[in-house]
Every structure is written in structure tokens, then in C-alpha cells.
Amino acid sequence: MIYQADQINNFADQTFAYLEVDEKEHVLTITLNRPERKNAMNPTLINELAYCLAYAHYTNDIWVVVLAANGNVFCSGADLKAFMGGDDPKDSTIPKPAGQVVIGDLFRQLHKPCIARVHASVYAGGMLLIGGCTHVIAKEGVVFGLPEVKRGLWPMQVMQTLLQFMPPRQAIAWCIEGNSLSTREALSYDLVTKIVQSDIELMSAVDQLVTKISENSPAAIRLGLQAFDELQSKSADEAHAYLQGMLMKCLQTADAREGIMAFKQKRKPVWTGK
């Protein structure tokens, strides 16, 4: 992670300029809060998001992350003017990152389930946010647009993210044509995992998914997502030996001992995430 464990010790005391952060019942909800600029990502917002995800990564008591947004656009992509200079950090108190934060890598080492609660349309680099989540629940009518080529640009990092879900020919065609996908089309491409009809159903669907995930071992999920990330750099010859080692690590957790004991005693397990 771009932020280290010792940097998140005073997380609760931080002031965020462009995020609303809420921690409750093992869930960290991060809400993009730059609605006047359609939640366009400037350097400060990106650093704040990286800081929150690092906090979730290092904190065993957080089992699920929910990513939401205020305003009539979920995220319009990167604020190119801010990246060219003039970013106003307002009163953000988070520490400076040790290096450059790469948007496409923000979620890669989170190792926690992350649910995008998408109530409004997503454009351009905003795809990197929903593409980094394990689940994307979107309201019917939301559109997903890639207009970069219409501005003389190419969605470089987005292209890499899309290739994790879409067949290459379809991903490239979308980048070339610069059009928008409907919610149904996004679902068919695995960019969205579930569609709901209203804001009320959206909140309910996310809550139900959080409950469902929380019934399972946080430690097992964390190690499983870590293994999934690290498999990308393993050869076929290395993969099974690595996964066997990860399974042994999983068996040594307190959650595994609790899960096996609860099964024997025919009761619900009480997870600690350890």
C-alpha cells in the first residue's frame, strides 16, 4: 500500500476535504463528496481515497468497504485541470503519500470485499473505481460512458481494467467508439453485478449483500482475495504450490478454528477476522 500501517493510527482524527467516511458494524462506507465537480478526481481526493483503503486494509475490524457518491454523477473521471496544477486541498489533514497514487492500483491490495453503490452515471476514469470493486450494484438508468477519444485522449488505465471483465474485442471497441453503455449492457459485460430499480432498492440491496458477506469468515475472505491478487504474477507451475501454502495459512487463523468448531457444535460461528 502507498500508505503504511503506522500512518493510519489516527485515522479517526483526520479531516477529509472530498470524502465522507463512516465506520459502523465492521463496514467502512466511503462517499465521494465533490458533487459540484461531478466527483471528478483531483490529487487530494485520490490521496484521501488511498488513505481510506489503506486503513481498511490494515484494520481487521473492517470486513466490508462500501463505495458511494453524492450528487447527480457518481464520478466523471479525473479532473485534468487539477492534475495540470492548481489543486486546492482545502482543509484535508491526511498525510502526504510516499509516492504517486495510481488510480488503477487503488483497490489492488485492499483484500476486503468492496461494494460500489452506484446511484448515478459513471464516466471515463470513474470506471477505475467501480472496476476495482468486488461487487457493483447499480440503479436502472445509470449509464457508463467512455468519452475520452472525443476529447483527443485514450482511456489508458481504464482499458487495462476493462480487460479484467470484458472480451478484448469488446473492450477495445468501446474505447475506440467512445459511446455509453446502458445498465443492462454493463451487466452483460460483468461491469455491473446487480441492477435495482430505485434508490431505496439500491440501499436495501447493498445492506443485504453486506449482511450476507458478514456471515462468512473475514480472515478467509482476506486471505482469499490476497491469493487472487498474487496469482496474477504466478506461473502455472507456481500457482498450486502457492495456493497450498495460502490454504495452510488460512487453516492457522482463529476464524478457521472457530468455523470448524461451530460446524461441529451445530451453531453459527462468531468471527473475529483474525
C-alpha atoms as a PDB file:
ATOM      1  CA  MET A   1       0.000   0.000   0.000  1.00  0.00           C
ATOM      2  CA  ILE A   2       1.155   3.556  -0.689  1.00  0.00           C
ATOM      3  CA  TYR A   3       0.351   4.372   2.977  1.00  0.00           C
ATOM      4  CA  GLN A   4       1.964   2.299   5.712  1.00  0.00           C
ATOM      5  CA  ALA A   5       0.299   0.853   8.815  1.00  0.00           C
ATOM      6  CA  ASP A   6       1.716   3.466  11.200  1.00  0.00           C
ATOM      7  CA  GLN A   7       0.206   6.287   9.130  1.00  0.00           C
ATOM      8  CA  ILE A   8      -3.387   5.227   9.751  1.00  0.00           C
ATOM      9  CA  ASN A   9      -3.194   5.075  13.567  1.00  0.00           C
ATOM     10  CA  ASN A  10      -5.001   8.427  13.944  1.00  0.00           C
ATOM     11  CA  PHE A  11      -7.483   7.801  11.130  1.00  0.00           C
ATOM     12  CA  ALA A  12     -10.490   8.870  13.227  1.00  0.00           C
ATOM     13  CA  ASP A  13      -8.944  12.298  13.822  1.00  0.00           C
ATOM     14  CA  GLN A  14      -8.423  13.134  10.142  1.00  0.00           C
ATOM     15  CA  THR A  15     -10.378  15.742   8.189  1.00  0.00           C
ATOM     16  CA  PHE A  16     -11.285  14.839   4.621  1.00  0.00           C
ATOM     17  CA  ALA A  17     -11.851  17.544   2.030  1.00  0.00           C
ATOM     18  CA  TYR A  18     -13.595  15.470  -0.613  1.00  0.00           C
ATOM     19  CA  LEU A  19     -14.833  12.326   1.131  1.00  0.00           C
ATOM     20  CA  GLU A  20     -17.407  11.433   3.751  1.00  0.00           C
ATOM     21  CA  VAL A  21     -16.287   8.468   5.834  1.00  0.00           C
ATOM     22  CA  ASP A  22     -18.407   6.357   8.155  1.00  0.00           C
ATOM     23  CA  GLU A  23     -17.325   3.256  10.099  1.00  0.00           C
ATOM     24  CA  LYS A  24     -20.039   1.119  11.631  1.00  0.00           C
ATOM     25  CA  GLU A  25     -20.512  -2.587  12.420  1.00  0.00           C
ATOM     26  CA  HIS A  26     -17.404  -3.749  10.532  1.00  0.00           C
ATOM     27  CA  VAL A  27     -18.317  -1.664   7.450  1.00  0.00           C
ATOM     28  CA  LEU A  28     -16.340   1.333   6.178  1.00  0.00           C
ATOM     29  CA  THR A  29     -18.504   3.486   3.904  1.00  0.00           C
ATOM     30  CA  ILE A  30     -16.563   5.934   1.735  1.00  0.00           C
ATOM     31  CA  THR A  31     -18.648   8.534  -0.093  1.00  0.00           C
ATOM     32  CA  LEU A  32     -17.204  10.727  -2.835  1.00  0.00           C
ATOM     33  CA  ASN A  33     -18.190  14.260  -1.865  1.00  0.00           C
ATOM     34  CA  ARG A  34     -17.258  16.658  -4.621  1.00  0.00           C
ATOM     35  CA  PRO A  35     -20.687  16.937  -6.246  1.00  0.00           C
ATOM     36  CA  GLU A  36     -20.117  20.466  -7.573  1.00  0.00           C
ATOM     37  CA  ARG A  37     -17.453  18.983  -9.877  1.00  0.00           C
ATOM     38  CA  LYS A  38     -19.371  15.757 -10.542  1.00  0.00           C
ATOM     39  CA  ASN A  39     -16.970  13.956  -8.198  1.00  0.00           C
ATOM     40  CA  ALA A  40     -14.085  14.417 -10.619  1.00  0.00           C
ATOM     41  CA  MET A  41     -10.945  13.003  -9.010  1.00  0.00           C
ATOM     42  CA  ASN A  42      -8.265  15.557  -8.199  1.00  0.00           C
ATOM     43  CA  PRO A  43      -4.965  14.672  -6.476  1.00  0.00           C
ATOM     44  CA  THR A  44      -6.329  15.381  -2.988  1.00  0.00           C
ATOM     45  CA  LEU A  45      -9.428  13.215  -3.449  1.00  0.00           C
ATOM     46  CA  ILE A  46      -7.312  10.360  -4.813  1.00  0.00           C
ATOM     47  CA  ASN A  47      -4.864  10.586  -1.908  1.00  0.00           C
ATOM     48  CA  GLU A  48      -7.756  10.603   0.555  1.00  0.00           C
ATOM     49  CA  LEU A  49      -9.263   7.537  -1.104  1.00  0.00           C
ATOM     50  CA  ALA A  50      -5.916   5.734  -0.998  1.00  0.00           C
ATOM     51  CA  TYR A  51      -5.630   6.597   2.693  1.00  0.00           C
ATOM     52  CA  CYS A  52      -9.099   5.209   3.459  1.00  0.00           C
ATOM     53  CA  LEU A  53      -8.423   1.991   1.566  1.00  0.00           C
ATOM     54  CA  ALA A  54      -5.108   1.578   3.392  1.00  0.00           C
ATOM     55  CA  TYR A  55      -6.963   1.992   6.677  1.00  0.00           C
ATOM     56  CA  ALA A  56      -9.448  -0.712   5.628  1.00  0.00           C
ATOM     57  CA  HIS A  57      -6.602  -2.970   4.514  1.00  0.00           C
ATOM     58  CA  TYR A  58      -4.712  -2.746   7.817  1.00  0.00           C
ATOM     59  CA  THR A  59      -7.768  -2.859  10.110  1.00  0.00           C
ATOM     60  CA  ASN A  60      -9.011  -6.382  10.865  1.00  0.00           C
ATOM     61  CA  ASP A  61     -12.212  -4.980  12.360  1.00  0.00           C
ATOM     62  CA  ILE A  62     -13.282  -3.726   8.920  1.00  0.00           C
ATOM     63  CA  TRP A  63     -14.814  -6.585   6.962  1.00  0.00           C
ATOM     64  CA  VAL A  64     -16.502  -4.763   4.073  1.00  0.00           C
ATOM     65  CA  VAL A  65     -15.972  -1.463   2.241  1.00  0.00           C
ATOM     66  CA  VAL A  66     -18.854   0.364   0.546  1.00  0.00           C
ATOM     67  CA  LEU A  67     -18.029   2.994  -2.082  1.00  0.00           C
ATOM     68  CA  ALA A  68     -20.771   5.571  -2.729  1.00  0.00           C
ATOM     69  CA  ALA A  69     -21.095   9.123  -4.020  1.00  0.00           C
ATOM     70  CA  ASN A  70     -23.072  12.319  -3.505  1.00  0.00           C
ATOM     71  CA  GLY A  71     -24.595  14.310  -6.360  1.00  0.00           C
ATOM     72  CA  ASN A  72     -26.091  13.555  -9.755  1.00  0.00           C
ATOM     73  CA  VAL A  73     -22.952  11.865 -11.167  1.00  0.00           C
ATOM     74  CA  PHE A  74     -21.187   9.021  -9.375  1.00  0.00           C
ATOM     75  CA  CYS A  75     -17.821  10.004 -10.852  1.00  0.00           C
ATOM     76  CA  SER A  76     -16.934  11.904 -14.032  1.00  0.00           C
ATOM     77  CA  GLY A  77     -13.320  10.688 -14.104  1.00  0.00           C
ATOM     78  CA  ALA A  78     -10.109  12.572 -13.476  1.00  0.00           C
ATOM     79  CA  ASP A  79     -10.044  16.343 -13.034  1.00  0.00           C
ATOM     80  CA  LEU A  80      -7.444  17.022 -15.726  1.00  0.00           C
ATOM     81  CA  LYS A  81      -7.130  20.726 -14.858  1.00  0.00           C
ATOM     82  CA  ALA A  82      -6.290  19.854 -11.252  1.00  0.00           C
ATOM     83  CA  PHE A  83      -3.597  17.406 -12.378  1.00  0.00           C
ATOM     84  CA  MET A  84      -2.070  20.128 -14.541  1.00  0.00           C
ATOM     85  CA  GLY A  85      -1.801  22.382 -11.479  1.00  0.00           C
ATOM     86  CA  GLY A  86      -3.978  24.375  -9.136  1.00  0.00           C
ATOM     87  CA  ASP A  87      -5.348  21.567  -6.966  1.00  0.00           C
ATOM     88  CA  ASP A  88      -6.970  23.047  -3.877  1.00  0.00           C
ATOM     89  CA  PRO A  89      -6.685  20.602  -0.935  1.00  0.00           C
ATOM     90  CA  LYS A  90      -8.994  22.727   1.244  1.00  0.00           C
ATOM     91  CA  ASP A  91      -8.624  21.505   4.831  1.00  0.00           C
ATOM     92  CA  SER A  92      -7.569  17.918   4.209  1.00  0.00           C
ATOM     93  CA  THR A  93      -5.335  16.704   7.036  1.00  0.00           C
ATOM     94  CA  ILE A  94      -4.305  13.312   5.686  1.00  0.00           C
ATOM     95  CA  PRO A  95      -0.556  12.718   5.404  1.00  0.00           C
ATOM     96  CA  LYS A  96       1.185  13.003   2.067  1.00  0.00           C
ATOM     97  CA  PRO A  97       1.673   9.646   0.329  1.00  0.00           C
ATOM     98  CA  ALA A  98       5.173   8.215  -0.002  1.00  0.00           C
ATOM     99  CA  GLY A  99       4.835   8.164  -3.786  1.00  0.00           C
ATOM    100  CA  GLN A 100       2.420   8.766  -6.608  1.00  0.00           C
ATOM    101  CA  VAL A 101      -1.001   7.194  -6.141  1.00  0.00           C
ATOM    102  CA  VAL A 102      -2.037   5.300  -9.283  1.00  0.00           C
ATOM    103  CA  ILE A 103      -5.831   5.218  -9.565  1.00  0.00           C
ATOM    104  CA  GLY A 104      -5.869   1.835 -11.295  1.00  0.00           C
ATOM    105  CA  ASP A 105      -3.987   0.257  -8.397  1.00  0.00           C
ATOM    106  CA  LEU A 106      -6.037   1.793  -5.565  1.00  0.00           C
ATOM    107  CA  PHE A 107      -8.044  -1.336  -4.819  1.00  0.00           C
ATOM    108  CA  ARG A 108      -5.487  -3.963  -5.802  1.00  0.00           C
ATOM    109  CA  GLN A 109      -4.149  -4.633  -2.306  1.00  0.00           C
ATOM    110  CA  LEU A 110      -7.311  -3.860  -0.347  1.00  0.00           C
ATOM    111  CA  HIS A 111      -8.043  -7.583   0.211  1.00  0.00           C
ATOM    112  CA  LYS A 112     -11.532  -6.810   1.527  1.00  0.00           C
ATOM    113  CA  PRO A 113     -14.884  -7.081  -0.275  1.00  0.00           C
ATOM    114  CA  CYS A 114     -15.730  -3.687  -1.755  1.00  0.00           C
ATOM    115  CA  ILE A 115     -19.246  -2.846  -2.935  1.00  0.00           C
ATOM    116  CA  ALA A 116     -19.867   0.069  -5.293  1.00  0.00           C
ATOM    117  CA  ARG A 117     -23.307   1.580  -4.618  1.00  0.00           C
ATOM    118  CA  VAL A 118     -23.899   3.272  -7.970  1.00  0.00           C
ATOM    119  CA  HIS A 119     -26.914   5.596  -7.969  1.00  0.00           C
ATOM    120  CA  ALA A 120     -25.822   7.788 -10.889  1.00  0.00           C
ATOM    121  CA  SER A 121     -23.800   7.640 -14.079  1.00  0.00           C
ATOM    122  CA  VAL A 122     -20.083   6.875 -14.289  1.00  0.00           C
ATOM    123  CA  TYR A 123     -17.719   8.294 -16.885  1.00  0.00           C
ATOM    124  CA  ALA A 124     -14.117   7.929 -18.027  1.00  0.00           C
ATOM    125  CA  GLY A 125     -11.685   7.292 -15.153  1.00  0.00           C
ATOM    126  CA  GLY A 126     -14.606   6.633 -12.827  1.00  0.00           C
ATOM    127  CA  MET A 127     -14.560   3.137 -14.345  1.00  0.00           C
ATOM    128  CA  LEU A 128     -11.330   2.548 -12.418  1.00  0.00           C
ATOM    129  CA  LEU A 129     -13.242   2.918  -9.162  1.00  0.00           C
ATOM    130  CA  ILE A 130     -16.063   0.522  -9.955  1.00  0.00           C
ATOM    131  CA  GLY A 131     -13.651  -1.792 -11.769  1.00  0.00           C
ATOM    132  CA  GLY A 132     -11.643  -2.131  -8.560  1.00  0.00           C
ATOM    133  CA  CYS A 133     -14.665  -3.232  -6.520  1.00  0.00           C
ATOM    134  CA  THR A 134     -15.640  -6.864  -5.994  1.00  0.00           C
ATOM    135  CA  HIS A 135     -19.364  -6.032  -6.400  1.00  0.00           C
ATOM    136  CA  VAL A 136     -21.128  -3.259  -8.335  1.00  0.00           C
ATOM    137  CA  ILE A 137     -24.819  -2.675  -7.619  1.00  0.00           C
ATOM    138  CA  ALA A 138     -26.308  -0.057  -9.935  1.00  0.00           C
ATOM    139  CA  LYS A 139     -29.680   1.606 -10.314  1.00  0.00           C
ATOM    140  CA  GLU A 140     -31.549   1.083 -13.575  1.00  0.00           C
ATOM    141  CA  GLY A 141     -30.950   4.005 -15.930  1.00  0.00           C
ATOM    142  CA  VAL A 142     -27.348   4.628 -14.906  1.00  0.00           C
ATOM    143  CA  VAL A 143     -25.046   4.947 -17.924  1.00  0.00           C
ATOM    144  CA  PHE A 144     -21.373   4.104 -18.211  1.00  0.00           C
ATOM    145  CA  GLY A 145     -19.509   6.329 -20.647  1.00  0.00           C
ATOM    146  CA  LEU A 146     -16.021   6.419 -22.148  1.00  0.00           C
ATOM    147  CA  PRO A 147     -15.837   9.789 -23.956  1.00  0.00           C
ATOM    148  CA  GLU A 148     -12.028  10.137 -23.923  1.00  0.00           C
ATOM    149  CA  VAL A 149     -11.495   9.734 -27.689  1.00  0.00           C
ATOM    150  CA  LYS A 150     -13.951  12.570 -28.267  1.00  0.00           C
ATOM    151  CA  ARG A 151     -11.530  14.803 -26.313  1.00  0.00           C
ATOM    152  CA  GLY A 152      -8.400  13.609 -28.126  1.00  0.00           C
ATOM    153  CA  LEU A 153      -7.456  11.196 -25.335  1.00  0.00           C
ATOM    154  CA  TRP A 154      -7.415   7.438 -24.815  1.00  0.00           C
ATOM    155  CA  PRO A 155      -8.674   5.648 -21.652  1.00  0.00           C
ATOM    156  CA  MET A 156      -5.314   4.038 -20.923  1.00  0.00           C
ATOM    157  CA  GLN A 157      -5.768   2.705 -17.376  1.00  0.00           C
ATOM    158  CA  VAL A 158      -9.467   2.061 -17.951  1.00  0.00           C
ATOM    159  CA  MET A 159      -8.569  -0.185 -20.878  1.00  0.00           C
ATOM    160  CA  GLN A 160      -6.493  -2.401 -18.579  1.00  0.00           C
ATOM    161  CA  THR A 161      -9.303  -2.534 -16.019  1.00  0.00           C
ATOM    162  CA  LEU A 162     -11.908  -3.417 -18.663  1.00  0.00           C
ATOM    163  CA  LEU A 163      -9.816  -6.351 -19.864  1.00  0.00           C
ATOM    164  CA  GLN A 164     -10.406  -7.991 -16.475  1.00  0.00           C
ATOM    165  CA  PHE A 165     -14.132  -8.273 -17.267  1.00  0.00           C
ATOM    166  CA  MET A 166     -14.735  -7.872 -20.977  1.00  0.00           C
ATOM    167  CA  PRO A 167     -13.530  -9.786 -24.045  1.00  0.00           C
ATOM    168  CA  PRO A 168     -10.665  -7.784 -25.608  1.00  0.00           C
ATOM    169  CA  ARG A 169     -12.526  -7.026 -28.848  1.00  0.00           C
ATOM    170  CA  GLN A 170     -15.492  -5.558 -26.974  1.00  0.00           C
ATOM    171  CA  ALA A 171     -13.272  -3.548 -24.617  1.00  0.00           C
ATOM    172  CA  ILE A 172     -11.245  -2.085 -27.488  1.00  0.00           C
ATOM    173  CA  ALA A 173     -14.384  -1.312 -29.484  1.00  0.00           C
ATOM    174  CA  TRP A 174     -15.787   0.629 -26.536  1.00  0.00           C
ATOM    175  CA  CYS A 175     -12.564   2.622 -26.163  1.00  0.00           C
ATOM    176  CA  ILE A 176     -12.485   3.400 -29.909  1.00  0.00           C
ATOM    177  CA  GLU A 177     -16.138   4.341 -30.267  1.00  0.00           C
ATOM    178  CA  GLY A 178     -16.318   6.406 -27.090  1.00  0.00           C
ATOM    179  CA  ASN A 179     -20.000   5.680 -26.541  1.00  0.00           C
ATOM    180  CA  SER A 180     -22.037   4.917 -23.428  1.00  0.00           C
ATOM    181  CA  LEU A 181     -23.350   1.594 -22.158  1.00  0.00           C
ATOM    182  CA  SER A 182     -26.742   1.159 -20.563  1.00  0.00           C
ATOM    183  CA  THR A 183     -27.029  -0.524 -17.189  1.00  0.00           C
ATOM    184  CA  ARG A 184     -28.184  -3.716 -18.912  1.00  0.00           C
ATOM    185  CA  GLU A 185     -25.220  -3.674 -21.299  1.00  0.00           C
ATOM    186  CA  ALA A 186     -22.846  -3.093 -18.370  1.00  0.00           C
ATOM    187  CA  LEU A 187     -24.397  -6.096 -16.635  1.00  0.00           C
ATOM    188  CA  SER A 188     -23.842  -8.278 -19.709  1.00  0.00           C
ATOM    189  CA  TYR A 189     -20.156  -7.235 -19.704  1.00  0.00           C
ATOM    190  CA  ASP A 190     -19.752  -8.019 -15.958  1.00  0.00           C
ATOM    191  CA  LEU A 191     -19.004  -4.373 -15.242  1.00  0.00           C
ATOM    192  CA  VAL A 192     -22.133  -4.427 -13.056  1.00  0.00           C
ATOM    193  CA  THR A 193     -23.068  -7.388 -10.858  1.00  0.00           C
ATOM    194  CA  LYS A 194     -26.669  -6.450  -9.974  1.00  0.00           C
ATOM    195  CA  ILE A 195     -29.316  -3.955 -11.147  1.00  0.00           C
ATOM    196  CA  VAL A 196     -32.051  -2.474  -8.958  1.00  0.00           C
ATOM    197  CA  GLN A 197     -34.948  -0.186  -9.829  1.00  0.00           C
ATOM    198  CA  SER A 198     -34.820   2.599  -7.248  1.00  0.00           C
ATOM    199  CA  ASP A 199     -32.661   4.371  -4.682  1.00  0.00           C
ATOM    200  CA  ILE A 200     -34.486   2.554  -1.890  1.00  0.00           C
ATOM    201  CA  GLU A 201     -33.833  -0.824  -3.527  1.00  0.00           C
ATOM    202  CA  LEU A 202     -30.198   0.186  -4.042  1.00  0.00           C
ATOM    203  CA  MET A 203     -29.661   0.855  -0.345  1.00  0.00           C
ATOM    204  CA  SER A 204     -31.500  -2.346   0.578  1.00  0.00           C
ATOM    205  CA  ALA A 205     -29.539  -4.484  -1.890  1.00  0.00           C
ATOM    206  CA  VAL A 206     -26.207  -3.197  -0.569  1.00  0.00           C
ATOM    207  CA  ASP A 207     -27.290  -3.775   3.042  1.00  0.00           C
ATOM    208  CA  GLN A 208     -28.399  -7.326   2.204  1.00  0.00           C
ATOM    209  CA  LEU A 209     -25.088  -8.053   0.486  1.00  0.00           C
ATOM    210  CA  VAL A 210     -23.124  -6.677   3.446  1.00  0.00           C
ATOM    211  CA  THR A 211     -25.121  -8.949   5.764  1.00  0.00           C
ATOM    212  CA  LYS A 212     -24.507 -11.945   3.529  1.00  0.00           C
ATOM    213  CA  ILE A 213     -20.764 -11.295   3.340  1.00  0.00           C
ATOM    214  CA  SER A 214     -20.544 -10.717   7.107  1.00  0.00           C
ATOM    215  CA  GLU A 215     -21.884 -14.213   7.751  1.00  0.00           C
ATOM    216  CA  ASN A 216     -18.642 -15.605   6.306  1.00  0.00           C
ATOM    217  CA  SER A 217     -15.117 -15.590   7.712  1.00  0.00           C
ATOM    218  CA  PRO A 218     -13.413 -12.191   7.258  1.00  0.00           C
ATOM    219  CA  ALA A 219      -9.999 -13.825   7.628  1.00  0.00           C
ATOM    220  CA  ALA A 220     -10.719 -16.413   4.929  1.00  0.00           C
ATOM    221  CA  ILE A 221     -12.018 -13.727   2.567  1.00  0.00           C
ATOM    222  CA  ARG A 222      -8.988 -11.509   3.224  1.00  0.00           C
ATOM    223  CA  LEU A 223      -6.518 -14.319   2.518  1.00  0.00           C
ATOM    224  CA  GLY A 224      -8.523 -15.473  -0.497  1.00  0.00           C
ATOM    225  CA  LEU A 225      -8.506 -12.009  -2.062  1.00  0.00           C
ATOM    226  CA  GLN A 226      -4.802 -11.701  -1.336  1.00  0.00           C
ATOM    227  CA  ALA A 227      -4.244 -15.004  -3.119  1.00  0.00           C
ATOM    228  CA  PHE A 228      -6.345 -13.825  -6.059  1.00  0.00           C
ATOM    229  CA  ASP A 229      -4.223 -10.679  -6.390  1.00  0.00           C
ATOM    230  CA  GLU A 230      -0.916 -12.501  -6.113  1.00  0.00           C
ATOM    231  CA  LEU A 231      -1.929 -15.241  -8.550  1.00  0.00           C
ATOM    232  CA  GLN A 232      -1.674 -12.704 -11.359  1.00  0.00           C
ATOM    233  CA  SER A 233       2.130 -12.796 -11.046  1.00  0.00           C
ATOM    234  CA  LYS A 234       2.461 -16.583 -10.620  1.00  0.00           C
ATOM    235  CA  SER A 235       3.240 -19.029 -13.394  1.00  0.00           C
ATOM    236  CA  ALA A 236       1.122 -22.139 -13.884  1.00  0.00           C
ATOM    237  CA  ASP A 237       3.901 -24.207 -12.269  1.00  0.00           C
ATOM    238  CA  GLU A 238       3.952 -21.951  -9.187  1.00  0.00           C
ATOM    239  CA  ALA A 239       0.210 -21.476  -8.708  1.00  0.00           C
ATOM    240  CA  HIS A 240      -0.832 -24.653  -6.891  1.00  0.00           C
ATOM    241  CA  ALA A 241       2.166 -24.713  -4.553  1.00  0.00           C
ATOM    242  CA  TYR A 242       1.469 -21.080  -3.660  1.00  0.00           C
ATOM    243  CA  LEU A 243      -2.234 -21.766  -3.079  1.00  0.00           C
ATOM    244  CA  GLN A 244      -1.449 -24.771  -0.905  1.00  0.00           C
ATOM    245  CA  GLY A 245       0.699 -22.507   1.262  1.00  0.00           C
ATOM    246  CA  MET A 246      -2.114 -19.955   1.478  1.00  0.00           C
ATOM    247  CA  LEU A 247      -4.552 -22.698   2.500  1.00  0.00           C
ATOM    248  CA  MET A 248      -2.187 -23.723   5.323  1.00  0.00           C
ATOM    249  CA  LYS A 249      -2.043 -20.073   6.387  1.00  0.00           C
ATOM    250  CA  CYS A 250      -5.839 -19.930   6.340  1.00  0.00           C
ATOM    251  CA  LEU A 251      -6.093 -23.065   8.499  1.00  0.00           C
ATOM    252  CA  GLN A 252      -3.949 -21.399  11.162  1.00  0.00           C
ATOM    253  CA  THR A 253      -6.346 -18.448  11.652  1.00  0.00           C
ATOM    254  CA  ALA A 254      -8.637 -18.034  14.649  1.00  0.00           C
ATOM    255  CA  ASP A 255     -11.555 -17.810  12.219  1.00  0.00           C
ATOM    256  CA  ALA A 256     -10.766 -21.267  10.809  1.00  0.00           C
ATOM    257  CA  ARG A 257     -10.647 -22.777  14.293  1.00  0.00           C
ATOM    258  CA  GLU A 258     -13.930 -21.066  15.157  1.00  0.00           C
ATOM    259  CA  GLY A 259     -15.593 -22.116  11.902  1.00  0.00           C
ATOM    260  CA  ILE A 260     -14.675 -25.786  12.354  1.00  0.00           C
ATOM    261  CA  MET A 261     -15.748 -25.749  15.999  1.00  0.00           C
ATOM    262  CA  ALA A 262     -19.059 -24.053  15.175  1.00  0.00           C
ATOM    263  CA  PHE A 263     -19.750 -26.646  12.471  1.00  0.00           C
ATOM    264  CA  LYS A 264     -19.140 -29.458  14.943  1.00  0.00           C
ATOM    265  CA  GLN A 265     -21.339 -27.795  17.549  1.00  0.00           C
ATOM    266  CA  LYS A 266     -24.058 -27.001  15.001  1.00  0.00           C
ATOM    267  CA  ARG A 267     -24.113 -23.283  15.763  1.00  0.00           C
ATOM    268  CA  LYS A 268     -23.344 -20.051  13.940  1.00  0.00           C
ATOM    269  CA  PRO A 269     -19.676 -19.046  14.095  1.00  0.00           C
ATOM    270  CA  VAL A 270     -18.602 -15.871  15.859  1.00  0.00           C
ATOM    271  CA  TRP A 271     -15.983 -14.303  13.641  1.00  0.00           C
ATOM    272  CA  THR A 272     -13.135 -12.081  14.813  1.00  0.00           C
ATOM    273  CA  GLY A 273     -11.398 -11.588  11.482  1.00  0.00           C
ATOM    274  CA  LYS A 274      -8.164 -12.952  12.948  1.00  0.00           C
END
